[in-house]
Amino acid sequence: MGTAESAITLFVLARWFLEATQDSLPRAAFIGVACLSPILEEILFRGLFLRSMKAYVPGLRAALIVPTLAAAGHQNFVTALPGQLVLCLVYLRLGNSLPASVAAHIANNAWAVYWMHMVR
C-alpha cells in the first residue's frame, strides 16, 4: 500500500473511531478528537495534499485550496475553515513542519474537547 492509501485508510479508521465513541466517556472523545484525528488530518492534508499540490500550483493557491478541502470534512465548514487556514500557515511558515502543525492542531482540538465536556 502506498503513502496515499495508508493515509486515507488511517483517516477512515480515525473517523470510524470518533463515530463509535461519540456517546462514550469524555476520555474516548479526547483521545479520538484531540490526539488521533489531528495527527491523521495533518499527515493527509498538509503532509500529502499540500506538499503534492505545491508542485503543480503556486504556493498561495495551494495554501487556500487544501484548507478548504480539509474544512469540508468537518461538521461545520464555516467554523473549521479559519482554523484550517491557520494550520496551513503554521506548516508553511515553519518550513513545511508537520510536527508544528500537528502540535497546533492537537492543542486546538484539546481545548475544544475540554471546553465542550468540562466547561458546559
PDB file of N, CA and C in Angstrom:
ATOM      1  N   MET A   1       0.841  -1.165   0.000  1.00  0.00           N
ATOM      2  CA  MET A   1       0.000   0.000   0.000  1.00  0.00           C
ATOM      3  C   MET A   1       0.894   1.237   0.000  1.00  0.00           C
ATOM      4  N   GLY A   2       0.548   2.225  -0.831  1.00  0.00           N
ATOM      5  CA  GLY A   2       1.315   3.445  -0.926  1.00  0.00           C
ATOM      6  C   GLY A   2       1.000   4.427   0.190  1.00  0.00           C
ATOM      7  N   THR A   3       1.703   5.541   0.197  1.00  0.00           N
ATOM      8  CA  THR A   3       1.509   6.558   1.224  1.00  0.00           C
ATOM      9  C   THR A   3       0.096   7.114   1.204  1.00  0.00           C
ATOM     10  N   ALA A   4      -0.417   7.407   0.015  1.00  0.00           N
ATOM     11  CA  ALA A   4      -1.764   7.973  -0.091  1.00  0.00           C
ATOM     12  C   ALA A   4      -2.810   6.993   0.427  1.00  0.00           C
ATOM     13  N   GLU A   5      -2.686   5.728   0.047  1.00  0.00           N
ATOM     14  CA  GLU A   5      -3.657   4.728   0.502  1.00  0.00           C
ATOM     15  C   GLU A   5      -3.577   4.535   2.013  1.00  0.00           C
ATOM     16  N   SER A   6      -2.364   4.538   2.551  1.00  0.00           N
ATOM     17  CA  SER A   6      -2.191   4.394   4.003  1.00  0.00           C
ATOM     18  C   SER A   6      -2.810   5.565   4.746  1.00  0.00           C
ATOM     19  N   ALA A   7      -2.575   6.771   4.259  1.00  0.00           N
ATOM     20  CA  ALA A   7      -3.126   7.959   4.914  1.00  0.00           C
ATOM     21  C   ALA A   7      -4.649   7.942   4.870  1.00  0.00           C
ATOM     22  N   ILE A   8      -5.215   7.578   3.737  1.00  0.00           N
ATOM     23  CA  ILE A   8      -6.673   7.535   3.612  1.00  0.00           C
ATOM     24  C   ILE A   8      -7.247   6.463   4.523  1.00  0.00           C
ATOM     25  N   THR A   9      -6.607   5.307   4.596  1.00  0.00           N
ATOM     26  CA  THR A   9      -7.067   4.237   5.478  1.00  0.00           C
ATOM     27  C   THR A   9      -7.037   4.692   6.936  1.00  0.00           C
ATOM     28  N   LEU A  10      -5.951   5.345   7.348  1.00  0.00           N
ATOM     29  CA  LEU A  10      -5.862   5.843   8.724  1.00  0.00           C
ATOM     30  C   LEU A  10      -6.926   6.895   9.007  1.00  0.00           C
ATOM     31  N   PHE A  11      -7.174   7.752   8.029  1.00  0.00           N
ATOM     32  CA  PHE A  11      -8.187   8.793   8.190  1.00  0.00           C
ATOM     33  C   PHE A  11      -9.571   8.172   8.356  1.00  0.00           C
ATOM     34  N   VAL A  12      -9.896   7.169   7.540  1.00  0.00           N
ATOM     35  CA  VAL A  12     -11.193   6.485   7.632  1.00  0.00           C
ATOM     36  C   VAL A  12     -11.329   5.783   8.974  1.00  0.00           C
ATOM     37  N   LEU A  13     -10.266   5.131   9.433  1.00  0.00           N
ATOM     38  CA  LEU A  13     -10.302   4.459  10.736  1.00  0.00           C
ATOM     39  C   LEU A  13     -10.492   5.454  11.880  1.00  0.00           C
ATOM     40  N   ALA A  14      -9.832   6.603  11.790  1.00  0.00           N
ATOM     41  CA  ALA A  14      -9.994   7.619  12.832  1.00  0.00           C
ATOM     42  C   ALA A  14     -11.415   8.144  12.860  1.00  0.00           C
ATOM     43  N   ARG A  15     -12.012   8.376  11.696  1.00  0.00           N
ATOM     44  CA  ARG A  15     -13.400   8.840  11.646  1.00  0.00           C
ATOM     45  C   ARG A  15     -14.342   7.788  12.226  1.00  0.00           C
ATOM     46  N   TRP A  16     -14.078   6.516  11.903  1.00  0.00           N
ATOM     47  CA  TRP A  16     -14.901   5.436  12.452  1.00  0.00           C
ATOM     48  C   TRP A  16     -14.792   5.421  13.977  1.00  0.00           C
ATOM     49  N   PHE A  17     -13.565   5.575  14.509  1.00  0.00           N
ATOM     50  CA  PHE A  17     -13.362   5.597  15.950  1.00  0.00           C
ATOM     51  C   PHE A  17     -14.141   6.738  16.587  1.00  0.00           C
ATOM     52  N   LEU A  18     -14.096   7.901  15.962  1.00  0.00           N
ATOM     53  CA  LEU A  18     -14.796   9.060  16.506  1.00  0.00           C
ATOM     54  C   LEU A  18     -16.296   8.821  16.536  1.00  0.00           C
ATOM     55  N   GLU A  19     -16.840   8.245  15.485  1.00  0.00           N
ATOM     56  CA  GLU A  19     -18.278   7.955  15.449  1.00  0.00           C
ATOM     57  C   GLU A  19     -18.645   6.884  16.464  1.00  0.00           C
ATOM     58  N   ALA A  20     -17.802   5.864  16.614  1.00  0.00           N
ATOM     59  CA  ALA A  20     -18.082   4.760  17.526  1.00  0.00           C
ATOM     60  C   ALA A  20     -18.031   5.190  18.988  1.00  0.00           C
ATOM     61  N   THR A  21     -17.215   6.177  19.303  1.00  0.00           N
ATOM     62  CA  THR A  21     -17.059   6.608  20.698  1.00  0.00           C
ATOM     63  C   THR A  21     -17.755   7.925  20.987  1.00  0.00           C
ATOM     64  N   GLN A  22     -18.600   8.364  20.079  1.00  0.00           N
ATOM     65  CA  GLN A  22     -19.225   9.677  20.218  1.00  0.00           C
ATOM     66  C   GLN A  22     -20.007   9.813  21.525  1.00  0.00           C
ATOM     67  N   ASP A  23     -20.704   8.766  21.938  1.00  0.00           N
ATOM     68  CA  ASP A  23     -21.509   8.847  23.153  1.00  0.00           C
ATOM     69  C   ASP A  23     -20.815   8.228  24.361  1.00  0.00           C
ATOM     70  N   SER A  24     -19.534   7.933  24.233  1.00  0.00           N
ATOM     71  CA  SER A  24     -18.789   7.303  25.320  1.00  0.00           C
ATOM     72  C   SER A  24     -18.225   8.343  26.268  1.00  0.00           C
ATOM     73  N   LEU A  25     -17.337   7.906  27.102  1.00  0.00           N
ATOM     74  CA  LEU A  25     -16.710   8.780  28.082  1.00  0.00           C
ATOM     75  C   LEU A  25     -15.959   9.924  27.419  1.00  0.00           C
ATOM     76  N   PRO A  26     -15.862  11.050  28.080  1.00  0.00           N
ATOM     77  CA  PRO A  26     -15.069  12.164  27.536  1.00  0.00           C
ATOM     78  C   PRO A  26     -13.627  11.762  27.229  1.00  0.00           C
ATOM     79  N   ARG A  27     -13.092  10.779  27.947  1.00  0.00           N
ATOM     80  CA  ARG A  27     -11.720  10.345  27.694  1.00  0.00           C
ATOM     81  C   ARG A  27     -11.579   9.788  26.272  1.00  0.00           C
ATOM     82  N   ALA A  28     -12.555   9.004  25.827  1.00  0.00           N
ATOM     83  CA  ALA A  28     -12.515   8.454  24.467  1.00  0.00           C
ATOM     84  C   ALA A  28     -12.607   9.578  23.438  1.00  0.00           C
ATOM     85  N   ALA A  29     -13.430  10.559  23.725  1.00  0.00           N
ATOM     86  CA  ALA A  29     -13.542  11.706  22.816  1.00  0.00           C
ATOM     87  C   ALA A  29     -12.230  12.470  22.776  1.00  0.00           C
ATOM     88  N   PHE A  30     -11.609  12.613  23.930  1.00  0.00           N
ATOM     89  CA  PHE A  30     -10.338  13.333  23.972  1.00  0.00           C
ATOM     90  C   PHE A  30      -9.277  12.609  23.155  1.00  0.00           C
ATOM     91  N   ILE A  31      -9.172  11.304  23.342  1.00  0.00           N
ATOM     92  CA  ILE A  31      -8.168  10.535  22.595  1.00  0.00           C
ATOM     93  C   ILE A  31      -8.437  10.624  21.097  1.00  0.00           C
ATOM     94  N   GLY A  32      -9.670  10.433  20.704  1.00  0.00           N
ATOM     95  CA  GLY A  32     -10.002  10.443  19.281  1.00  0.00           C
ATOM     96  C   GLY A  32      -9.916  11.812  18.648  1.00  0.00           C
ATOM     97  N   VAL A  33     -10.595  12.776  19.251  1.00  0.00           N
ATOM     98  CA  VAL A  33     -10.691  14.109  18.656  1.00  0.00           C
ATOM     99  C   VAL A  33      -9.427  14.924  18.866  1.00  0.00           C
ATOM    100  N   ALA A  34      -8.871  14.869  20.049  1.00  0.00           N
ATOM    101  CA  ALA A  34      -7.735  15.739  20.347  1.00  0.00           C
ATOM    102  C   ALA A  34      -6.392  15.149  19.937  1.00  0.00           C
ATOM    103  N   CYS A  35      -6.293  13.839  19.818  1.00  0.00           N
ATOM    104  CA  CYS A  35      -4.990  13.241  19.521  1.00  0.00           C
ATOM    105  C   CYS A  35      -4.921  12.551  18.159  1.00  0.00           C
ATOM    106  N   LEU A  36      -5.789  11.588  17.931  1.00  0.00           N
ATOM    107  CA  LEU A  36      -5.700  10.803  16.696  1.00  0.00           C
ATOM    108  C   LEU A  36      -6.089  11.594  15.455  1.00  0.00           C
ATOM    109  N   SER A  37      -7.212  12.240  15.521  1.00  0.00           N
ATOM    110  CA  SER A  37      -7.712  12.957  14.344  1.00  0.00           C
ATOM    111  C   SER A  37      -6.747  14.034  13.851  1.00  0.00           C
ATOM    112  N   PRO A  38      -6.198  14.879  14.717  1.00  0.00           N
ATOM    113  CA  PRO A  38      -5.246  15.890  14.232  1.00  0.00           C
ATOM    114  C   PRO A  38      -4.010  15.284  13.562  1.00  0.00           C
ATOM    115  N   ILE A  39      -3.491  14.202  14.117  1.00  0.00           N
ATOM    116  CA  ILE A  39      -2.316  13.566  13.520  1.00  0.00           C
ATOM    117  C   ILE A  39      -2.635  13.088  12.115  1.00  0.00           C
ATOM    118  N   LEU A  40      -3.758  12.402  11.984  1.00  0.00           N
ATOM    119  CA  LEU A  40      -4.129  11.865  10.673  1.00  0.00           C
ATOM    120  C   LEU A  40      -4.489  12.964   9.682  1.00  0.00           C
ATOM    121  N   GLU A  41      -5.204  13.965  10.141  1.00  0.00           N
ATOM    122  CA  GLU A  41      -5.556  15.079   9.250  1.00  0.00           C
ATOM    123  C   GLU A  41      -4.315  15.812   8.758  1.00  0.00           C
ATOM    124  N   GLU A  42      -3.375  16.059   9.645  1.00  0.00           N
ATOM    125  CA  GLU A  42      -2.170  16.781   9.244  1.00  0.00           C
ATOM    126  C   GLU A  42      -1.324  15.966   8.275  1.00  0.00           C
ATOM    127  N   ILE A  43      -1.198  14.667   8.519  1.00  0.00           N
ATOM    128  CA  ILE A  43      -0.455  13.815   7.582  1.00  0.00           C
ATOM    129  C   ILE A  43      -1.118  13.844   6.213  1.00  0.00           C
ATOM    130  N   LEU A  44      -2.430  13.722   6.196  1.00  0.00           N
ATOM    131  CA  LEU A  44      -3.160  13.666   4.928  1.00  0.00           C
ATOM    132  C   LEU A  44      -3.180  15.023   4.224  1.00  0.00           C
ATOM    133  N   PHE A  45      -3.626  16.068   4.916  1.00  0.00           N
ATOM    134  CA  PHE A  45      -3.849  17.349   4.249  1.00  0.00           C
ATOM    135  C   PHE A  45      -2.588  18.186   4.085  1.00  0.00           C
ATOM    136  N   ARG A  46      -1.764  18.304   5.125  1.00  0.00           N
ATOM    137  CA  ARG A  46      -0.556  19.103   4.995  1.00  0.00           C
ATOM    138  C   ARG A  46       0.593  18.260   4.430  1.00  0.00           C
ATOM    139  N   GLY A  47       0.803  17.080   4.983  1.00  0.00           N
ATOM    140  CA  GLY A  47       1.925  16.255   4.575  1.00  0.00           C
ATOM    141  C   GLY A  47       1.804  15.676   3.179  1.00  0.00           C
ATOM    142  N   LEU A  48       0.600  15.345   2.765  1.00  0.00           N
ATOM    143  CA  LEU A  48       0.421  14.715   1.456  1.00  0.00           C
ATOM    144  C   LEU A  48      -0.176  15.678   0.434  1.00  0.00           C
ATOM    145  N   PHE A  49      -1.376  16.194   0.707  1.00  0.00           N
ATOM    146  CA  PHE A  49      -2.067  17.034  -0.280  1.00  0.00           C
ATOM    147  C   PHE A  49      -1.339  18.351  -0.548  1.00  0.00           C
ATOM    148  N   LEU A  50      -0.999  19.079   0.509  1.00  0.00           N
ATOM    149  CA  LEU A  50      -0.363  20.391   0.315  1.00  0.00           C
ATOM    150  C   LEU A  50       1.010  20.246  -0.331  1.00  0.00           C
ATOM    151  N   ARG A  51       1.786  19.315   0.164  1.00  0.00           N
ATOM    152  CA  ARG A  51       3.123  19.111  -0.401  1.00  0.00           C
ATOM    153  C   ARG A  51       3.036  18.735  -1.885  1.00  0.00           C
ATOM    154  N   SER A  52       2.091  17.871  -2.231  1.00  0.00           N
ATOM    155  CA  SER A  52       1.914  17.471  -3.638  1.00  0.00           C
ATOM    156  C   SER A  52       1.375  18.617  -4.482  1.00  0.00           C
ATOM    157  N   MET A  53       0.408  19.343  -3.947  1.00  0.00           N
ATOM    158  CA  MET A  53      -0.224  20.411  -4.718  1.00  0.00           C
ATOM    159  C   MET A  53       0.739  21.557  -5.009  1.00  0.00           C
ATOM    160  N   LYS A  54       1.661  21.823  -4.095  1.00  0.00           N
ATOM    161  CA  LYS A  54       2.628  22.909  -4.306  1.00  0.00           C
ATOM    162  C   LYS A  54       3.512  22.661  -5.528  1.00  0.00           C
ATOM    163  N   ALA A  55       3.612  21.416  -5.954  1.00  0.00           N
ATOM    164  CA  ALA A  55       4.403  21.097  -7.146  1.00  0.00           C
ATOM    165  C   ALA A  55       3.671  21.499  -8.427  1.00  0.00           C
ATOM    166  N   TYR A  56       2.361  21.701  -8.344  1.00  0.00           N
ATOM    167  CA  TYR A  56       1.562  21.980  -9.541  1.00  0.00           C
ATOM    168  C   TYR A  56       0.944  23.371  -9.586  1.00  0.00           C
ATOM    169  N   VAL A  57       0.691  23.962  -8.440  1.00  0.00           N
ATOM    170  CA  VAL A  57       0.084  25.297  -8.393  1.00  0.00           C
ATOM    171  C   VAL A  57       0.922  26.184  -7.474  1.00  0.00           C
ATOM    172  N   PRO A  58       0.849  27.505  -7.664  1.00  0.00           N
ATOM    173  CA  PRO A  58       1.607  28.412  -6.787  1.00  0.00           C
ATOM    174  C   PRO A  58       1.248  28.203  -5.314  1.00  0.00           C
ATOM    175  N   GLY A  59       2.215  28.483  -4.442  1.00  0.00           N
ATOM    176  CA  GLY A  59       2.056  28.241  -3.011  1.00  0.00           C
ATOM    177  C   GLY A  59       0.813  28.844  -2.393  1.00  0.00           C
ATOM    178  N   LEU A  60       0.485  30.106  -2.756  1.00  0.00           N
ATOM    179  CA  LEU A  60      -0.676  30.761  -2.161  1.00  0.00           C
ATOM    180  C   LEU A  60      -1.966  30.057  -2.555  1.00  0.00           C
ATOM    181  N   ARG A  61      -2.077  29.666  -3.802  1.00  0.00           N
ATOM    182  CA  ARG A  61      -3.274  28.945  -4.247  1.00  0.00           C
ATOM    183  C   ARG A  61      -3.409  27.615  -3.523  1.00  0.00           C
ATOM    184  N   ALA A  62      -2.314  26.903  -3.423  1.00  0.00           N
ATOM    185  CA  ALA A  62      -2.326  25.620  -2.711  1.00  0.00           C
ATOM    186  C   ALA A  62      -2.701  25.831  -1.245  1.00  0.00           C
ATOM    187  N   ALA A  63      -2.207  26.939  -0.663  1.00  0.00           N
ATOM    188  CA  ALA A  63      -2.488  27.242   0.734  1.00  0.00           C
ATOM    189  C   ALA A  63      -3.941  27.642   0.963  1.00  0.00           C
ATOM    190  N   LEU A  64      -4.672  27.937  -0.090  1.00  0.00           N
ATOM    191  CA  LEU A  64      -6.107  28.226   0.030  1.00  0.00           C
ATOM    192  C   LEU A  64      -6.956  27.008  -0.324  1.00  0.00           C
ATOM    193  N   ILE A  65      -6.503  26.211  -1.266  1.00  0.00           N
ATOM    194  CA  ILE A  65      -7.278  25.047  -1.704  1.00  0.00           C
ATOM    195  C   ILE A  65      -7.282  23.941  -0.646  1.00  0.00           C
ATOM    196  N   VAL A  66      -6.119  23.591  -0.127  1.00  0.00           N
ATOM    197  CA  VAL A  66      -6.017  22.480   0.817  1.00  0.00           C
ATOM    198  C   VAL A  66      -6.806  22.734   2.105  1.00  0.00           C
ATOM    199  N   PRO A  67      -6.721  23.906   2.732  1.00  0.00           N
ATOM    200  CA  PRO A  67      -7.549  24.136   3.919  1.00  0.00           C
ATOM    201  C   PRO A  67      -9.051  24.082   3.613  1.00  0.00           C
ATOM    202  N   THR A  68      -9.425  24.491   2.417  1.00  0.00           N
ATOM    203  CA  THR A  68     -10.832  24.411   2.026  1.00  0.00           C
ATOM    204  C   THR A  68     -11.277  22.956   1.956  1.00  0.00           C
ATOM    205  N   LEU A  69     -10.441  22.108   1.379  1.00  0.00           N
ATOM    206  CA  LEU A  69     -10.753  20.678   1.330  1.00  0.00           C
ATOM    207  C   LEU A  69     -10.808  20.078   2.733  1.00  0.00           C
ATOM    208  N   ALA A  70      -9.865  20.465   3.572  1.00  0.00           N
ATOM    209  CA  ALA A  70      -9.833  19.947   4.943  1.00  0.00           C
ATOM    210  C   ALA A  70     -11.062  20.397   5.728  1.00  0.00           C
ATOM    211  N   ALA A  71     -11.459  21.645   5.574  1.00  0.00           N
ATOM    212  CA  ALA A  71     -12.640  22.161   6.289  1.00  0.00           C
ATOM    213  C   ALA A  71     -13.914  21.471   5.819  1.00  0.00           C
ATOM    214  N   ALA A  72     -13.937  21.062   4.554  1.00  0.00           N
ATOM    215  CA  ALA A  72     -15.125  20.384   4.021  1.00  0.00           C
ATOM    216  C   ALA A  72     -15.386  19.055   4.726  1.00  0.00           C
ATOM    217  N   GLY A  73     -14.367  18.474   5.326  1.00  0.00           N
ATOM    218  CA  GLY A  73     -14.529  17.219   6.045  1.00  0.00           C
ATOM    219  C   GLY A  73     -15.015  17.377   7.469  1.00  0.00           C
ATOM    220  N   HIS A  74     -15.221  18.594   7.911  1.00  0.00           N
ATOM    221  CA  HIS A  74     -15.684  18.846   9.273  1.00  0.00           C
ATOM    222  C   HIS A  74     -17.193  19.075   9.300  1.00  0.00           C
ATOM    223  N   GLN A  75     -17.770  18.957  10.486  1.00  0.00           N
ATOM    224  CA  GLN A  75     -19.215  19.152  10.632  1.00  0.00           C
ATOM    225  C   GLN A  75     -19.648  20.542  10.204  1.00  0.00           C
ATOM    226  N   ASN A  76     -18.897  21.551  10.593  1.00  0.00           N
ATOM    227  CA  ASN A  76     -19.269  22.919  10.278  1.00  0.00           C
ATOM    228  C   ASN A  76     -18.140  23.573   9.481  1.00  0.00           C
ATOM    229  N   PHE A  77     -18.324  23.659   8.179  1.00  0.00           N
ATOM    230  CA  PHE A  77     -17.312  24.195   7.275  1.00  0.00           C
ATOM    231  C   PHE A  77     -16.899  25.613   7.667  1.00  0.00           C
ATOM    232  N   VAL A  78     -17.877  26.444   7.989  1.00  0.00           N
ATOM    233  CA  VAL A  78     -17.616  27.859   8.264  1.00  0.00           C
ATOM    234  C   VAL A  78     -16.713  28.048   9.485  1.00  0.00           C
ATOM    235  N   THR A  79     -16.931  27.268  10.523  1.00  0.00           N
ATOM    236  CA  THR A  79     -16.088  27.415  11.711  1.00  0.00           C
ATOM    237  C   THR A  79     -14.757  26.684  11.569  1.00  0.00           C
ATOM    238  N   ALA A  80     -14.694  25.671  10.721  1.00  0.00           N
ATOM    239  CA  ALA A  80     -13.450  24.913  10.544  1.00  0.00           C
ATOM    240  C   ALA A  80     -12.463  25.615   9.614  1.00  0.00           C
ATOM    241  N   LEU A  81     -12.950  26.377   8.649  1.00  0.00           N
ATOM    242  CA  LEU A  81     -12.069  26.975   7.644  1.00  0.00           C
ATOM    243  C   LEU A  81     -11.001  27.905   8.233  1.00  0.00           C
ATOM    244  N   PRO A  82     -11.329  28.827   9.125  1.00  0.00           N
ATOM    245  CA  PRO A  82     -10.262  29.688   9.669  1.00  0.00           C
ATOM    246  C   PRO A  82      -9.158  28.895  10.367  1.00  0.00           C
ATOM    247  N   GLY A  83      -9.541  27.899  11.138  1.00  0.00           N
ATOM    248  CA  GLY A  83      -8.543  27.066  11.812  1.00  0.00           C
ATOM    249  C   GLY A  83      -7.669  26.304  10.837  1.00  0.00           C
ATOM    250  N   GLN A  84      -8.277  25.799   9.778  1.00  0.00           N
ATOM    251  CA  GLN A  84      -7.512  25.084   8.766  1.00  0.00           C
ATOM    252  C   GLN A  84      -6.531  26.012   8.047  1.00  0.00           C
ATOM    253  N   LEU A  85      -6.947  27.248   7.811  1.00  0.00           N
ATOM    254  CA  LEU A  85      -6.041  28.232   7.206  1.00  0.00           C
ATOM    255  C   LEU A  85      -4.852  28.523   8.123  1.00  0.00           C
ATOM    256  N   VAL A  86      -5.126  28.669   9.407  1.00  0.00           N
ATOM    257  CA  VAL A  86      -4.051  28.915  10.380  1.00  0.00           C
ATOM    258  C   VAL A  86      -3.095  27.731  10.423  1.00  0.00           C
ATOM    259  N   LEU A  87      -3.629  26.511  10.440  1.00  0.00           N
ATOM    260  CA  LEU A  87      -2.763  25.327  10.463  1.00  0.00           C
ATOM    261  C   LEU A  87      -1.889  25.249   9.215  1.00  0.00           C
ATOM    262  N   CYS A  88      -2.443  25.653   8.086  1.00  0.00           N
ATOM    263  CA  CYS A  88      -1.684  25.672   6.844  1.00  0.00           C
ATOM    264  C   CYS A  88      -0.555  26.707   6.928  1.00  0.00           C
ATOM    265  N   LEU A  89      -0.855  27.864   7.487  1.00  0.00           N
ATOM    266  CA  LEU A  89       0.174  28.898   7.649  1.00  0.00           C
ATOM    267  C   LEU A  89       1.269  28.454   8.607  1.00  0.00           C
ATOM    268  N   VAL A  90       0.886  27.789   9.696  1.00  0.00           N
ATOM    269  CA  VAL A  90       1.877  27.261  10.640  1.00  0.00           C
ATOM    270  C   VAL A  90       2.803  26.295   9.911  1.00  0.00           C
ATOM    271  N   TYR A  91       2.214  25.395   9.149  1.00  0.00           N
ATOM    272  CA  TYR A  91       3.001  24.404   8.401  1.00  0.00           C
ATOM    273  C   TYR A  91       3.977  25.085   7.442  1.00  0.00           C
ATOM    274  N   LEU A  92       3.482  26.045   6.672  1.00  0.00           N
ATOM    275  CA  LEU A  92       4.322  26.696   5.659  1.00  0.00           C
ATOM    276  C   LEU A  92       5.359  27.634   6.268  1.00  0.00           C
ATOM    277  N   ARG A  93       4.952  28.451   7.247  1.00  0.00           N
ATOM    278  CA  ARG A  93       5.864  29.450   7.814  1.00  0.00           C
ATOM    279  C   ARG A  93       7.006  28.816   8.604  1.00  0.00           C
ATOM    280  N   LEU A  94       6.778  27.609   9.107  1.00  0.00           N
ATOM    281  CA  LEU A  94       7.827  26.931   9.877  1.00  0.00           C
ATOM    282  C   LEU A  94       8.573  25.909   9.025  1.00  0.00           C
ATOM    283  N   GLY A  95       8.626  26.174   7.717  1.00  0.00           N
ATOM    284  CA  GLY A  95       9.428  25.350   6.821  1.00  0.00           C
ATOM    285  C   GLY A  95       8.858  23.973   6.553  1.00  0.00           C
ATOM    286  N   ASN A  96       7.566  23.919   6.248  1.00  0.00           N
ATOM    287  CA  ASN A  96       6.890  22.640   5.988  1.00  0.00           C
ATOM    288  C   ASN A  96       7.016  21.693   7.177  1.00  0.00           C
ATOM    289  N   SER A  97       6.779  22.227   8.357  1.00  0.00           N
ATOM    290  CA  SER A  97       6.937  21.465   9.596  1.00  0.00           C
ATOM    291  C   SER A  97       5.645  20.756   9.965  1.00  0.00           C
ATOM    292  N   LEU A  98       5.600  19.469   9.681  1.00  0.00           N
ATOM    293  CA  LEU A  98       4.441  18.663  10.058  1.00  0.00           C
ATOM    294  C   LEU A  98       4.305  18.551  11.581  1.00  0.00           C
ATOM    295  N   PRO A  99       5.407  18.367  12.337  1.00  0.00           N
ATOM    296  CA  PRO A  99       5.261  18.326  13.799  1.00  0.00           C
ATOM    297  C   PRO A  99       4.654  19.612  14.368  1.00  0.00           C
ATOM    298  N   ALA A 100       4.996  20.763  13.803  1.00  0.00           N
ATOM    299  CA  ALA A 100       4.439  22.020  14.307  1.00  0.00           C
ATOM    300  C   ALA A 100       2.941  22.108  14.041  1.00  0.00           C
ATOM    301  N   SER A 101       2.507  21.730  12.836  1.00  0.00           N
ATOM    302  CA  SER A 101       1.075  21.803  12.539  1.00  0.00           C
ATOM    303  C   SER A 101       0.301  20.746  13.322  1.00  0.00           C
ATOM    304  N   VAL A 102       0.907  19.582  13.547  1.00  0.00           N
ATOM    305  CA  VAL A 102       0.251  18.551  14.375  1.00  0.00           C
ATOM    306  C   VAL A 102       0.089  19.063  15.803  1.00  0.00           C
ATOM    307  N   ALA A 103       1.140  19.657  16.357  1.00  0.00           N
ATOM    308  CA  ALA A 103       1.084  20.175  17.732  1.00  0.00           C
ATOM    309  C   ALA A 103       0.023  21.272  17.860  1.00  0.00           C
ATOM    310  N   ALA A 104      -0.024  22.178  16.885  1.00  0.00           N
ATOM    311  CA  ALA A 104      -1.039  23.241  16.917  1.00  0.00           C
ATOM    312  C   ALA A 104      -2.439  22.663  16.803  1.00  0.00           C
ATOM    313  N   HIS A 105      -2.614  21.666  15.960  1.00  0.00           N
ATOM    314  CA  HIS A 105      -3.923  21.043  15.766  1.00  0.00           C
ATOM    315  C   HIS A 105      -4.359  20.299  17.032  1.00  0.00           C
ATOM    316  N   ILE A 106      -3.435  19.569  17.649  1.00  0.00           N
ATOM    317  CA  ILE A 106      -3.749  18.863  18.895  1.00  0.00           C
ATOM    318  C   ILE A 106      -4.126  19.861  19.986  1.00  0.00           C
ATOM    319  N   ALA A 107      -3.382  20.948  20.105  1.00  0.00           N
ATOM    320  CA  ALA A 107      -3.696  21.964  21.120  1.00  0.00           C
ATOM    321  C   ALA A 107      -5.084  22.557  20.890  1.00  0.00           C
ATOM    322  N   ASN A 108      -5.404  22.865  19.640  1.00  0.00           N
ATOM    323  CA  ASN A 108      -6.717  23.418  19.314  1.00  0.00           C
ATOM    324  C   ASN A 108      -7.836  22.435  19.658  1.00  0.00           C
ATOM    325  N   ASN A 109      -7.690  21.191  19.238  1.00  0.00           N
ATOM    326  CA  ASN A 109      -8.739  20.208  19.491  1.00  0.00           C
ATOM    327  C   ASN A 109      -8.851  19.852  20.970  1.00  0.00           C
ATOM    328  N   ALA A 110      -7.711  19.808  21.670  1.00  0.00           N
ATOM    329  CA  ALA A 110      -7.749  19.523  23.109  1.00  0.00           C
ATOM    330  C   ALA A 110      -8.537  20.607  23.841  1.00  0.00           C
ATOM    331  N   TRP A 111      -8.298  21.849  23.475  1.00  0.00           N
ATOM    332  CA  TRP A 111      -9.044  22.952  24.077  1.00  0.00           C
ATOM    333  C   TRP A 111     -10.531  22.826  23.766  1.00  0.00           C
ATOM    334  N   ALA A 112     -10.873  22.493  22.533  1.00  0.00           N
ATOM    335  CA  ALA A 112     -12.283  22.361  22.148  1.00  0.00           C
ATOM    336  C   ALA A 112     -12.957  21.225  22.913  1.00  0.00           C
ATOM    337  N   VAL A 113     -12.291  20.083  23.049  1.00  0.00           N
ATOM    338  CA  VAL A 113     -12.870  18.947  23.781  1.00  0.00           C
ATOM    339  C   VAL A 113     -13.021  19.306  25.251  1.00  0.00           C
ATOM    340  N   TYR A 114     -12.017  19.929  25.820  1.00  0.00           N
ATOM    341  CA  TYR A 114     -12.105  20.360  27.218  1.00  0.00           C
ATOM    342  C   TYR A 114     -13.290  21.298  27.403  1.00  0.00           C
ATOM    343  N   TRP A 115     -13.404  22.273  26.540  1.00  0.00           N
ATOM    344  CA  TRP A 115     -14.473  23.256  26.635  1.00  0.00           C
ATOM    345  C   TRP A 115     -15.838  22.589  26.538  1.00  0.00           C
ATOM    346  N   MET A 116     -15.993  21.658  25.595  1.00  0.00           N
ATOM    347  CA  MET A 116     -17.281  21.003  25.369  1.00  0.00           C
ATOM    348  C   MET A 116     -17.675  20.090  26.532  1.00  0.00           C
ATOM    349  N   HIS A 117     -16.698  19.366  27.107  1.00  0.00           N
ATOM    350  CA  HIS A 117     -17.032  18.368  28.127  1.00  0.00           C
ATOM    351  C   HIS A 117     -16.871  18.851  29.551  1.00  0.00           C
ATOM    352  N   MET A 118     -16.038  19.825  29.782  1.00  0.00           N
ATOM    353  CA  MET A 118     -15.774  20.247  31.154  1.00  0.00           C
ATOM    354  C   MET A 118     -16.439  21.567  31.531  1.00  0.00           C
ATOM    355  N   VAL A 119     -16.500  22.474  30.620  1.00  0.00           N
ATOM    356  CA  VAL A 119     -16.997  23.795  30.935  1.00  0.00           C
ATOM    357  C   VAL A 119     -18.521  23.867  30.833  1.00  0.00           C
ATOM    358  N   ARG A 120     -19.072  23.219  29.843  1.00  0.00           N
ATOM    359  CA  ARG A 120     -20.532  23.285  29.659  1.00  0.00           C
ATOM    360  C   ARG A 120     -21.282  22.625  30.730  1.00  0.00           C
TER     361      ARG A 120
END
